[in-house]
Protein backbone atom coordinates (compact mmCIF):
# COMPACT_ATOMS: atom_id res chain seq x y z
CA MET A 1 0.08 0.28 -0.02
CA LYS A 2 1.09 3.44 -0.91
CA THR A 3 1.55 6.08 1.98
CA SER A 4 1.01 9.34 1.55
CA GLU A 5 -0.81 12.74 2.90
CA TYR A 6 -4.41 11.98 4.00
CA VAL A 7 -6.51 14.07 6.19
CA ILE A 8 -8.43 12.38 8.54
CA LEU A 9 -11.55 10.20 9.68
CA VAL A 10 -13.57 9.25 12.00
CA THR A 11 -17.06 8.26 12.46
CA VAL A 12 -20.44 7.41 13.75
CA LEU A 13 -20.02 3.97 12.32
CA ASN A 14 -20.62 2.10 15.88
CA LEU A 15 -24.31 1.96 16.67
CA MET A 16 -23.35 2.45 20.40
CA ALA A 17 -20.03 4.11 20.52
CA GLY A 18 -19.62 7.80 20.40
CA VAL A 19 -16.94 9.45 17.77
CA GLY A 20 -15.19 12.74 16.60
CA CYS A 21 -14.98 14.53 13.43
CA ASN A 22 -12.05 16.69 13.00
CA SER A 23 -9.32 16.63 10.20
CA SER A 24 -5.36 16.33 10.25
CA SER A 25 -3.10 14.23 7.91
CA GLY A 26 -2.01 10.83 7.50
CA THR A 27 -2.03 7.56 5.42
CA ALA A 28 -3.84 6.98 1.90
CA SER A 29 -6.44 4.51 1.67
CA ALA A 30 -7.16 1.93 -0.88
CA LEU A 31 -10.82 2.89 -0.43
CA SER A 32 -10.42 6.49 -1.38
CA THR A 33 -11.44 7.10 -5.06
CA GLY A 34 -11.20 10.71 -6.71
CA GLY A 35 -14.75 12.25 -7.66
CA GLY A 36 -16.48 10.31 -5.34
CA GLY A 37 -15.95 7.09 -7.07
CA LEU A 38 -17.46 4.77 -4.36
CA GLY A 39 -20.85 6.00 -5.60
CA GLY A 40 -23.73 8.16 -4.32
CA SER A 41 -26.34 7.85 -2.02
CA GLY A 42 -28.79 11.07 -2.33
CA GLY A 43 -30.68 12.53 0.70
CA GLN A 44 -30.04 15.56 2.46
CA PRO A 45 -27.58 16.67 5.18
CA PRO A 46 -29.08 17.60 8.57
CA GLY A 47 -25.83 20.00 8.92
CA ALA A 48 -23.36 17.63 8.34
CA ALA A 49 -19.71 19.36 9.59
CA ASP A 50 -16.48 19.13 11.11
CA ALA A 51 -16.43 18.86 14.99
CA SER A 52 -13.97 18.07 17.77
CA ASP A 53 -13.31 14.42 18.99
CA LEU A 54 -15.99 13.71 21.15
CA ARG A 55 -14.83 10.57 22.45
CA THR A 56 -14.39 11.81 25.89
CA GLY A 57 -18.16 13.05 26.01
CA PRO A 58 -21.67 12.65 25.44
CA GLN A 59 -22.04 11.08 22.39
CA CYS A 60 -21.85 13.25 19.55
CA ARG A 61 -23.24 16.51 21.40
CA GLN A 62 -23.54 19.38 19.58
CA VAL A 63 -20.44 21.44 18.81
CA GLY A 64 -20.94 25.30 18.25
CA ALA A 65 -23.44 25.91 15.49
CA THR A 66 -22.64 22.73 13.76
CA ARG A 67 -24.30 19.30 13.98
CA SER A 68 -21.84 16.31 14.55
CA PRO A 69 -22.37 12.95 13.30
CA GLN A 70 -24.87 11.56 15.97
CA VAL A 71 -25.72 8.07 17.34
CA THR A 72 -29.16 6.52 17.86
CA THR A 73 -30.13 6.89 21.15
CA GLY A 74 -31.32 4.13 23.61
CA LEU A 75 -30.08 0.54 23.63
CA ALA A 76 -29.80 -0.78 20.05
CA ASP A 77 -33.03 0.67 18.92
CA GLU A 78 -32.54 -0.19 15.38
CA ILE A 79 -31.91 -3.68 15.98
CA ALA A 80 -33.60 -4.68 18.93
CA PRO A 81 -36.16 -7.69 18.19
CA ALA A 82 -39.59 -7.06 19.36
CA PRO A 83 -40.86 -8.86 22.32
CA PRO A 84 -43.43 -11.94 21.13
CA SER A 85 -46.11 -11.00 23.13
CA ILE A 86 -46.94 -8.23 20.38
CA GLY A 87 -50.32 -9.42 18.77
CA ALA A 88 -50.85 -11.79 21.19
CA ASP A 89 -53.77 -11.98 23.96
CA VAL A 90 -51.01 -12.90 26.76
CA PRO A 91 -48.40 -10.37 27.94
CA ALA A 92 -44.83 -11.17 27.23
CA THR A 93 -44.36 -12.94 30.95
CA TYR A 94 -46.58 -15.66 30.20
CA PHE A 95 -44.04 -16.93 27.21
CA GLY A 96 -41.58 -19.50 28.35
CA PRO A 97 -37.72 -19.42 27.95
CA SER A 98 -36.04 -18.60 24.75
CA PRO A 99 -35.20 -21.81 22.54
CA SER A 100 -31.64 -20.67 22.90
CA SER A 101 -31.36 -21.39 26.49
CA VAL A 102 -32.16 -24.63 26.00
CA ASN A 103 -30.15 -25.38 22.60
CA PRO A 104 -27.60 -22.65 21.49
CA ASN A 105 -28.49 -23.47 17.83
CA LEU A 106 -31.89 -22.72 18.18
CA VAL A 107 -33.27 -19.26 18.13
CA GLY A 108 -32.96 -16.49 20.71
CA PRO A 109 -30.29 -14.21 22.44
CA LEU A 110 -27.02 -15.89 23.13
CA THR A 111 -23.55 -14.08 24.30
CA LEU A 112 -21.01 -15.84 22.58
CA LEU A 113 -17.72 -14.00 23.53
CA ARG A 114 -18.34 -15.45 26.98
CA SER A 115 -15.09 -14.19 28.86
CA GLY A 116 -16.89 -11.04 29.57
CA THR A 117 -19.63 -9.20 31.01
CA ILE A 118 -21.91 -7.08 28.47
CA ASP A 119 -23.68 -3.87 29.76
CA PHE A 120 -27.02 -4.00 27.70
CA ALA A 121 -27.59 -0.66 28.80
CA LYS A 122 -24.34 0.87 27.43
CA GLY A 123 -23.67 -1.30 24.94
CA THR A 124 -20.19 -2.08 26.08
CA ILE A 125 -18.47 -5.60 27.14
CA LYS A 126 -15.87 -5.73 30.16
CA LEU A 127 -13.28 -8.09 29.43
CA PRO A 128 -9.97 -9.65 31.02
CA LEU A 129 -7.20 -7.41 30.42
CA TYR A 130 -3.86 -9.23 29.36
CA LYS A 131 -0.49 -7.71 29.78
CA GLY A 132 2.63 -8.96 28.01
CA MET A 133 5.88 -7.58 26.67
CA VAL A 134 7.17 -7.06 23.05
CA LYS A 135 10.70 -8.92 22.86
CA SER A 136 11.96 -6.67 20.28
CA THR A 137 11.47 -3.50 22.34
CA GLY A 138 11.28 -4.41 25.69
CA LEU A 139 8.06 -2.24 26.25
CA ALA A 140 4.59 -3.80 28.12
CA VAL A 141 1.73 -4.56 25.74
CA TYR A 142 -2.23 -4.71 27.09
CA TYR A 143 -4.42 -6.81 25.25
CA ILE A 144 -7.33 -8.76 24.89
CA LEU A 145 -8.12 -12.20 23.65
CA THR A 146 -11.30 -12.98 21.79
CA ASP A 147 -10.84 -15.76 19.61
CA THR A 148 -8.48 -19.05 19.07
CA SER A 149 -8.12 -21.95 17.15
CA ASP A 150 -8.14 -24.32 19.75
CA LYS A 151 -11.95 -25.72 20.57
CA GLY A 152 -11.10 -26.78 24.01
CA ILE A 153 -9.22 -23.56 25.16
CA ALA A 154 -12.37 -21.65 23.35
CA ASP A 155 -14.87 -23.50 25.92
CA GLY A 156 -12.41 -23.21 28.86
CA LEU A 157 -11.60 -19.52 28.53
CA GLY A 158 -14.88 -18.45 27.03
CA LEU A 159 -13.40 -17.22 23.70
CA ASN A 160 -15.10 -17.48 20.09
CA TYR A 161 -13.52 -20.58 18.29
CA SER A 162 -12.88 -20.32 14.89
CA ALA A 163 -11.12 -22.86 13.16
CA LYS A 164 -9.80 -20.88 10.07
CA LEU A 165 -7.59 -19.00 12.48
CA LYS A 166 -5.43 -22.02 12.02
CA PHE A 167 -4.80 -20.49 8.46
CA ALA A 168 -3.83 -17.10 9.39
CA ASN A 169 -0.41 -18.44 10.62
CA ALA A 170 0.42 -18.65 6.77
CA ALA A 171 1.58 -15.50 4.76
CA ALA A 172 0.41 -14.29 1.41
CA SER A 173 2.57 -14.46 -1.87
CA ALA A 174 3.90 -10.91 -1.28
CA GLY A 175 4.28 -9.16 2.06
CA VAL A 176 3.09 -5.59 3.16
CA ASN A 177 6.71 -4.46 2.44
CA GLY A 178 7.15 -6.31 -1.08
CA SER A 179 8.90 -8.88 0.00
CA ASN A 180 8.07 -12.16 -1.58
CA PRO A 181 7.46 -14.11 0.36
CA ALA A 182 5.86 -12.22 2.90
CA THR A 183 8.64 -11.61 5.92
CA THR A 184 5.57 -10.63 8.07
CA LEU A 185 2.98 -13.52 8.80
CA PRO A 186 -0.91 -12.16 9.16
CA ALA A 187 -0.29 -13.58 12.94
CA ARG A 188 2.70 -12.22 15.10
CA GLN A 189 5.01 -15.40 16.78
CA ALA A 190 4.79 -15.25 20.51
CA HIS A 191 5.52 -17.74 23.46
CA THR A 192 4.63 -18.46 27.19
CA THR A 193 6.81 -17.05 29.62
CA ALA A 194 7.39 -18.46 33.11
CA ASP A 195 4.61 -16.18 34.73
CA LEU A 196 2.17 -17.45 31.79
CA SER A 197 2.34 -13.96 30.28
CA LEU A 198 3.08 -13.68 26.42
CA GLN A 199 6.28 -12.10 24.98
CA PHE A 200 5.54 -11.08 21.54
CA ASP A 201 8.09 -11.40 19.02
CA ASN A 202 7.74 -7.89 17.84
CA GLY A 203 4.76 -5.64 16.97
CA THR A 204 3.99 -2.22 18.44
CA VAL A 205 1.03 0.26 18.09
CA ASP A 206 1.09 3.86 18.14
CA PHE A 207 -1.91 5.12 19.79
CA ALA A 208 -0.86 8.80 19.98
CA PRO A 209 -2.82 10.03 16.91
CA ARG A 210 -5.89 11.70 16.78
CA LEU A 211 -8.91 10.10 15.74
CA ALA A 212 -11.25 12.27 13.48
CA VAL A 213 -13.73 12.61 10.45
CA THR A 214 -14.61 14.65 7.69
CA PRO A 215 -17.81 13.57 5.76
CA GLY A 216 -17.90 13.91 1.79
CA GLY A 217 -19.71 16.92 0.16
CA ALA A 218 -23.58 16.60 0.75
CA PRO A 219 -25.74 14.32 -0.68
CA ASP A 220 -22.78 11.85 -1.06
CA PHE A 221 -21.17 12.05 2.25
CA PHE A 222 -19.34 8.59 1.60
CA PRO A 223 -16.40 8.17 0.74
CA PRO A 224 -15.22 10.89 3.31
CA SER A 225 -12.96 13.86 2.30
CA ALA A 226 -10.28 12.79 4.84
CA VAL A 227 -9.67 10.49 7.05
CA GLN A 228 -6.99 9.86 10.28
CA PRO A 229 -7.13 6.12 12.36
CA GLY A 230 -6.71 7.26 16.37
CA SER A 231 -4.01 4.10 16.54
CA ILE A 232 -1.71 2.95 14.12
CA GLY A 233 0.49 -0.64 14.22
CA ASP A 234 3.94 -0.66 12.75
CA SER A 235 4.66 -3.12 9.71
CA ASP A 236 5.21 -6.11 12.10
CA TYR A 237 1.60 -5.63 14.03
CA THR A 238 -1.13 -7.53 13.49
CA PRO A 239 -3.99 -8.27 16.33
CA LEU A 240 -3.24 -12.44 15.47
CA VAL A 241 -0.88 -14.37 17.67
CA TYR A 242 0.77 -17.70 17.06
CA VAL A 243 2.01 -18.79 20.26
CA GLN A 244 4.71 -21.35 19.34
CA ASP A 245 5.10 -23.20 22.45
CA GLN A 246 0.94 -24.17 22.22
CA GLY A 247 1.00 -24.29 18.70
CA VAL A 248 -2.37 -22.16 18.81
CA VAL A 249 -3.65 -18.86 17.09
CA TYR A 250 -5.02 -16.45 19.06
CA ASN A 251 -6.88 -13.26 18.17
CA ALA A 252 -5.01 -10.58 20.82
CA PRO A 253 -5.67 -7.03 19.67
CA VAL A 254 -3.51 -4.72 21.63
CA VAL A 255 -5.55 -1.41 23.57
CA ALA A 256 -2.40 0.06 25.21
CA TYR A 257 1.42 -0.22 24.50
CA GLY A 258 4.77 1.26 25.77
CA VAL A 259 3.12 2.31 29.17
CA THR A 260 2.45 1.44 32.82
CA ASP A 261 -0.27 0.17 34.76
CA GLY A 262 -0.44 3.83 36.70
CA ASP A 263 -0.57 5.15 33.07
CA LEU A 264 -4.11 3.38 32.37
CA SER A 265 -5.73 4.05 35.51
CA PHE A 266 -9.16 4.83 34.11
CA CYS A 267 -11.39 2.81 36.29
CA ASP A 268 -14.05 4.78 35.85
CA GLY A 269 -13.87 5.71 32.29
CA VAL A 270 -12.93 8.91 30.07
CA PRO A 271 -9.62 7.56 29.13
CA ASP A 272 -6.65 9.45 27.47
CA TYR A 273 -7.20 8.07 23.77
CA ALA A 274 -3.29 9.47 23.43
CA LYS A 275 -2.43 5.82 25.30
CA VAL A 276 -5.66 3.55 24.79
CA HIS A 277 -7.55 1.94 21.70
CA ASP A 278 -10.40 4.65 20.66
CA LYS A 279 -12.94 1.68 21.61
CA VAL A 280 -12.16 1.62 25.00
CA ALA A 281 -14.48 2.79 27.67
CA ALA A 282 -12.84 2.52 30.68
CA ILE A 283 -9.62 0.40 31.51
CA CYS A 284 -8.23 -0.66 34.81
CA PRO A 285 -5.00 -2.80 35.28
CA ASP A 286 -5.39 -3.10 38.87
CA ASP A 287 -8.56 -4.94 38.11
CA GLY A 288 -7.35 -6.73 35.09
CA THR A 289 -10.21 -5.59 32.86
CA VAL A 290 -10.94 -3.08 30.07
CA THR A 291 -14.30 -1.84 28.66
CA ILE A 292 -15.06 -1.64 25.16
CA ARG A 293 -17.69 -0.07 23.13
CA LEU A 294 -19.67 -2.78 20.70
CA THR A 295 -21.00 -2.37 17.38
CA ALA A 296 -24.36 -3.60 15.98
CA GLY A 297 -25.13 -5.63 12.72
CA PHE A 298 -26.66 -8.45 11.62
CA SER A 299 -25.57 -11.89 10.70
CA PHE A 300 -28.35 -14.26 8.68
CA GLY A 301 -31.02 -11.82 9.72
CA LYS A 302 -30.24 -11.93 13.49
CA PRO A 303 -29.13 -8.83 14.90
CA VAL A 304 -25.65 -8.93 16.67
CA TRP A 305 -22.95 -7.10 18.44
CA TYR A 306 -19.52 -7.08 17.89
CA LEU A 307 -15.80 -5.69 18.45
CA SER A 308 -14.47 -3.68 15.67
CA THR A 309 -10.20 -3.72 17.09
CA ASP A 310 -8.19 -3.49 13.78
CA ALA A 311 -8.52 -3.23 9.57
CA SER A 312 -5.90 -3.42 7.21
CA ASP A 313 -6.81 0.11 5.99
CA PRO A 314 -6.59 3.17 7.19
CA LEU A 315 -10.12 4.25 6.20
CA LEU A 316 -11.89 1.52 6.98
CA ALA A 317 -9.59 1.41 10.23
CA ALA A 318 -10.99 5.02 10.62
CA LEU A 319 -14.82 4.20 10.01
CA GLU A 320 -14.61 1.37 12.82
CA GLN A 321 -12.56 3.70 15.31
CA ALA A 322 -9.73 0.57 15.04
CA THR A 323 -6.05 0.29 14.89
CA PHE A 324 -4.68 0.72 11.31
CA ALA A 325 -2.81 -2.45 11.53
CA PRO A 326 -0.66 -2.94 7.89
CA ALA A 327 0.64 -6.32 8.33
CA LEU A 328 -3.14 -7.49 7.87
CA GLN A 329 -2.91 -7.06 4.23
CA ASN A 330 -0.61 -10.01 4.46
CA THR A 331 -3.80 -11.98 4.67
CA ARG A 332 -5.18 -13.91 1.76
CA VAL A 333 -8.40 -12.55 0.94
CA GLY A 334 -11.31 -13.49 -1.69
CA GLY A 335 -11.41 -17.42 -0.38
CA ASP A 336 -14.20 -17.15 1.91
CA ASP A 337 -15.36 -20.96 2.88
CA GLY A 338 -12.80 -22.52 0.41
CA ALA A 339 -9.99 -24.60 1.89
CA PHE A 340 -7.03 -22.94 3.97
CA SER A 341 -8.89 -19.60 3.88
CA ALA A 342 -8.67 -17.46 7.30
CA VAL A 343 -11.40 -15.44 6.36
CA GLU A 344 -15.58 -14.74 6.43
CA ARG A 345 -17.12 -12.20 4.35
CA ILE A 346 -18.55 -8.97 5.73
CA PHE A 347 -20.78 -6.67 3.72
CA SER A 348 -21.16 -3.03 3.84
CA PHE A 349 -22.77 -0.74 1.46
CA ALA A 350 -22.07 2.96 -0.14
CA ASN A 351 -25.42 4.10 -0.90
CA GLY A 352 -28.01 2.43 1.67
CA PRO A 353 -31.12 4.63 2.67
CA THR A 354 -30.96 7.17 4.41
CA ASN A 355 -33.33 8.92 7.20
CA VAL A 356 -36.39 11.12 5.91
CA GLY A 357 -36.63 14.68 5.71
CA THR A 358 -34.26 16.29 8.01
CA GLY A 359 -33.30 13.20 9.41
CA ASP A 360 -35.33 13.51 12.57
CA VAL A 361 -37.41 10.46 11.57
CA VAL A 362 -35.72 7.27 11.75
CA ASN A 363 -36.13 5.24 8.53
CA PRO A 364 -36.60 1.50 9.63
CA GLN A 365 -34.64 0.58 6.66
CA ARG A 366 -31.85 2.81 7.32
CA GLN A 367 -28.62 1.53 6.57
CA GLY A 368 -24.81 2.26 4.95
CA LEU A 369 -21.81 4.23 5.13
CA ASN A 370 -23.54 7.30 3.41
CA SER A 371 -25.97 7.34 6.33
CA ALA A 372 -23.46 6.41 9.00
CA LEU A 373 -21.29 9.77 7.61
CA LYS A 374 -24.44 11.65 7.57
CA GLY A 375 -24.50 11.24 11.70
CA GLU A 376 -27.65 8.96 11.67
CA GLY A 377 -25.96 6.29 13.44
CA GLY A 378 -23.99 3.22 12.30
CA PRO A 379 -24.01 1.21 8.75
CA LEU A 380 -25.29 -1.69 10.31
CA ASN A 381 -22.94 -3.87 8.36
CA VAL A 382 -23.94 -7.83 7.53
CA LEU A 383 -21.52 -10.44 8.69
CA GLY A 384 -21.37 -13.80 7.22
CA GLY A 385 -21.08 -16.89 9.50
CA ILE A 386 -20.97 -16.83 13.32
CA PRO A 387 -20.82 -19.38 16.27
CA HIS A 388 -23.86 -21.70 16.71
CA VAL A 389 -25.53 -20.22 13.20
CA ALA A 390 -22.63 -21.59 10.91
CA THR A 391 -19.31 -23.22 11.16
CA ASP A 392 -17.17 -21.18 8.58
CA TYR A 393 -17.03 -18.24 11.55
CA SER A 394 -13.39 -15.84 11.46
CA PRO A 395 -13.06 -12.84 13.06
CA LEU A 396 -11.26 -11.73 9.85
CA TRP A 397 -13.56 -10.15 7.88
CA ASP A 398 -13.14 -9.59 3.78
CA PHE A 399 -14.74 -6.57 3.30
CA ASN A 400 -17.30 -6.57 0.50
CA LEU A 401 -18.59 -2.90 -0.44
CA GLY A 402 -21.87 -2.65 -2.30
CA VAL A 403 -23.43 0.08 -4.32
CA TRP A 404 -27.28 0.05 -4.86
CA THR A 405 -27.73 0.54 -8.82
CA ALA A 406 -29.41 3.41 -10.18
CA ASP A 407 -32.25 1.28 -11.86
CA ALA A 408 -32.63 -0.73 -8.18
CA ILE A 409 -33.01 2.84 -6.78
CA ALA A 410 -35.63 4.56 -9.07
CA LYS A 411 -37.55 1.16 -8.76
CA GLY A 412 -37.68 1.56 -5.16
CA TYR A 413 -35.57 -1.72 -4.66
CA ARG A 414 -33.35 -0.27 -2.18
CA SER A 415 -33.62 -1.36 1.59
CA ARG A 416 -32.05 -2.67 4.29
CA VAL A 417 -30.83 -5.98 3.64
CA ASN A 418 -29.58 -8.19 6.90
CA GLU A 419 -28.50 -11.79 5.12
CA GLU A 420 -25.95 -12.92 3.06
CA PHE A 421 -27.96 -15.03 0.75
CA GLN A 422 -30.20 -12.40 0.49
CA ILE A 423 -27.37 -9.91 -0.50
CA LEU A 424 -26.05 -12.40 -2.97
CA GLY A 425 -29.30 -12.77 -4.80
CA LEU A 426 -29.60 -9.10 -5.50
CA VAL A 427 -26.31 -8.80 -6.75
CA GLN A 428 -27.18 -11.93 -8.85
CA ARG A 429 -30.32 -9.58 -10.04
CA GLY A 430 -28.03 -6.64 -11.11
CA PHE A 431 -29.48 -4.68 -8.51
CA ILE A 432 -26.47 -4.30 -6.58
CA THR A 433 -22.88 -3.94 -7.91
CA GLY A 434 -18.81 -3.42 -6.87
CA PRO A 435 -18.04 0.40 -6.39
CA GLY A 436 -17.78 2.62 -9.79
CA GLY A 437 -20.44 -0.59 -11.39
CA LYS A 438 -17.34 -2.99 -11.00
CA PRO A 439 -17.91 -6.54 -10.33
CA TRP A 440 -19.02 -7.84 -6.49
CA GLY A 441 -16.49 -8.79 -4.47
CA SER A 442 -13.58 -8.42 -2.18
CA THR A 443 -12.09 -4.99 -1.96
CA GLY A 444 -9.10 -6.80 -0.63
CA LEU A 445 -9.28 -5.03 2.92
CA ILE A 446 -9.50 -7.14 6.26
CA VAL A 447 -11.62 -5.64 9.54
CA ASP A 448 -11.09 -7.66 12.56
CA CYS A 449 -14.24 -7.85 14.16
CA PRO A 450 -14.74 -10.60 17.02
CA ILE A 451 -18.41 -11.44 17.77
CA VAL A 452 -20.04 -10.84 20.95
CA HIS A 453 -23.86 -11.21 21.03
CA ARG A 454 -26.87 -12.37 18.88
CA PHE A 455 -29.98 -11.01 19.82
CA LEU A 456 -31.99 -13.78 18.14
């Protein structure tokens, strides 16, 4: 990937997390195209404009005379299932336990990342905070564990099991540094020390940059005019780690690096984002915990919450409030559920439906990146397989970006979609294409999004 100047972007892209909107300088994105080349969306802005970084304050409050990108109020209002008592002659208390409480493969709510505690009112999860060391620098690193390639360890620690992660320890044919074969694997290497912590061979993250966003000009807020991720990994950093003495791959996103426990004492919230990941709501080394904001989406028609931790592209990292991890580019994409593929697909839309009128009325069909950058809420991306729904789950999501065609919009077909094969059917019929009318498929970008909870 080329490196050049870019102005920064940050956003509303998750339903429950606050974001900021300022501009600065940074790194070119593979998603950035001249002339708004990812497709327009239509709709009138409610007053989109630059605003200061709002991660530490009320979620996207008013700034000066402008209206900043906003997040919908309430608990996942746009995706929460209705109670079963609607239309029935008995109250909800008469209904029995959810079928998922009997069998996790049946319909109903289910927490998948069981190592943490979800705050459903705040849309956060409190996870164990692990501390290790980076061998190449001798500095401390703080991280979380979300997924593993070992089923027994997943069950024992309450992590997500992903068989596909076994393939994340194999490099692409050429590395992010242009080497052939790649000198940096999709997974870093580590080993377990005598005190049962991990010592990583290399890989560091700079949390000093300030996350910010500048939406594009109305009505095409996406693509944004400028972006800056709030944290940037070096050429060796990837959230994946292969622990050599265990023979196991873990998803271990870094939330702080090169600091001490005392530097991270934000147990009551309002952390210093020059020291921690932008999704962190609170961090408390003394208690060994970190609280992280969740992102809303769908998987096979089921509303879900997931984490957004890292991405292989600066624009995607900024949109997800994630760490820009260039080494994730070494992950092979396009293989989906084929043999030896480490990825699963995630679907996002450049020009999905937006809110009506001035944006005060929430369109129940609202979805997509244009709506998110317009300030209406998260993009409500659609994930492929997740545990207990499919066997092909991976936290490494191959980013597929769709554009509704002018014909589909004119015929009134544009709407919220929530299921992979529904999307693929619309692509097959010619109503959705890739950016710029190109064939549908992988953008070549990877985003690390561990699944946390499903609502149905």
